[in-house]
Amino acid sequence: TVSPIQLAEGSSIGAGAIVVADCDVGRFAMVGAGAVVTHDVPAQALVAGNPARVLGWVCACGHRLPDSTGRPAPATRER
């Protein structure tokens, strides 16, 4: 059975990265080089590793988004 991979507008896939079948990569998401994507990647997420995990968030231009203190935004929302 063939399962498609959906790469949304503006998504960026690093060299040697693997996106497993039936996974979607959201708008302006960035996948690091050599990452293995086994689950859907949310829009504007920065993912890397094996398996790929969300490390932070990026804007449409590709710069890492800061939190309220000016440091890179964490992978999860603060409560």
Protein backbone atom coordinates (compact mmCIF):
# COMPACT_ATOMS: atom_id res chain seq x y z
CA THR A 1 0.00 0.00 0.00
CA VAL A 2 1.32 3.41 -0.96
CA SER A 3 0.78 6.20 1.58
CA PRO A 4 1.43 9.83 0.60
CA ILE A 5 3.58 12.38 2.40
CA GLN A 6 2.10 15.88 2.61
CA LEU A 7 4.64 18.74 2.61
CA ALA A 8 2.84 22.03 3.20
CA GLU A 9 3.79 25.38 1.69
CA GLY A 10 7.10 26.75 2.97
CA SER A 11 8.17 23.58 4.79
CA SER A 12 11.89 22.87 4.80
CA ILE A 13 13.49 19.41 4.91
CA GLY A 14 17.18 19.12 5.81
CA ALA A 15 19.70 16.98 3.93
CA GLY A 16 19.41 13.26 4.60
CA ALA A 17 16.17 13.60 6.56
CA ILE A 18 13.64 10.79 6.28
CA VAL A 19 9.90 11.41 6.37
CA VAL A 20 8.01 8.16 6.95
CA ALA A 21 4.95 7.48 4.80
CA ASP A 22 1.60 8.97 5.89
CA CYS A 23 3.23 11.85 7.82
CA ASP A 24 2.39 15.50 7.22
CA VAL A 25 4.83 18.39 7.59
CA GLY A 26 3.04 21.67 8.41
CA ARG A 27 3.40 25.13 6.90
CA PHE A 28 6.83 26.72 7.40
CA ALA A 29 7.99 23.80 9.57
CA MET A 30 11.72 22.98 9.56
CA VAL A 31 13.06 19.42 9.71
CA GLY A 32 16.73 19.17 10.70
CA ALA A 33 19.32 17.33 8.64
CA GLY A 34 19.33 13.59 9.30
CA ALA A 35 16.04 13.66 11.24
CA VAL A 36 13.63 10.73 11.05
CA VAL A 37 10.05 12.02 11.03
CA THR A 38 7.66 9.35 12.33
CA HIS A 39 4.71 11.60 13.30
CA ASP A 40 3.02 14.69 11.88
CA VAL A 41 5.00 17.93 12.30
CA PRO A 42 2.92 20.96 13.35
CA ALA A 43 3.07 24.24 11.44
CA GLN A 44 6.13 26.40 12.22
CA ALA A 45 7.76 23.69 14.36
CA LEU A 46 11.51 23.10 14.43
CA VAL A 47 12.16 19.34 14.67
CA ALA A 48 15.32 17.24 14.75
CA GLY A 49 16.59 13.89 15.94
CA ASN A 50 15.71 10.23 15.61
CA PRO A 51 12.80 10.12 16.05
CA ALA A 52 12.20 13.79 15.27
CA ARG A 53 11.02 15.85 18.25
CA VAL A 54 9.88 19.45 18.47
CA LEU A 55 12.78 21.62 19.70
CA GLY A 56 11.15 25.01 19.23
CA TRP A 57 9.28 27.22 16.81
CA VAL A 58 10.25 29.26 13.75
CA CYS A 59 8.65 32.12 11.84
CA ALA A 60 7.89 32.03 8.12
CA CYS A 61 11.33 33.51 7.36
CA GLY A 62 13.07 30.66 9.21
CA HIS A 63 14.29 32.49 12.32
CA ARG A 64 13.76 30.84 15.70
CA LEU A 65 10.95 32.48 17.67
CA PRO A 66 11.79 33.91 21.12
CA ASP A 67 9.70 33.64 24.29
CA SER A 68 8.74 36.66 26.42
CA THR A 69 12.25 36.83 27.94
CA GLY A 70 14.03 36.89 24.57
CA ARG A 71 15.37 33.32 24.77
CA PRO A 72 14.42 30.71 22.13
CA ALA A 73 10.82 29.57 22.69
CA PRO A 74 10.54 26.14 24.33
CA ALA A 75 9.04 23.14 22.53
CA THR A 76 5.94 23.18 24.75
CA ARG A 77 3.75 26.06 25.76
CA GLU A 78 4.34 27.48 29.21
CA ARG A 79 1.36 27.35 31.55
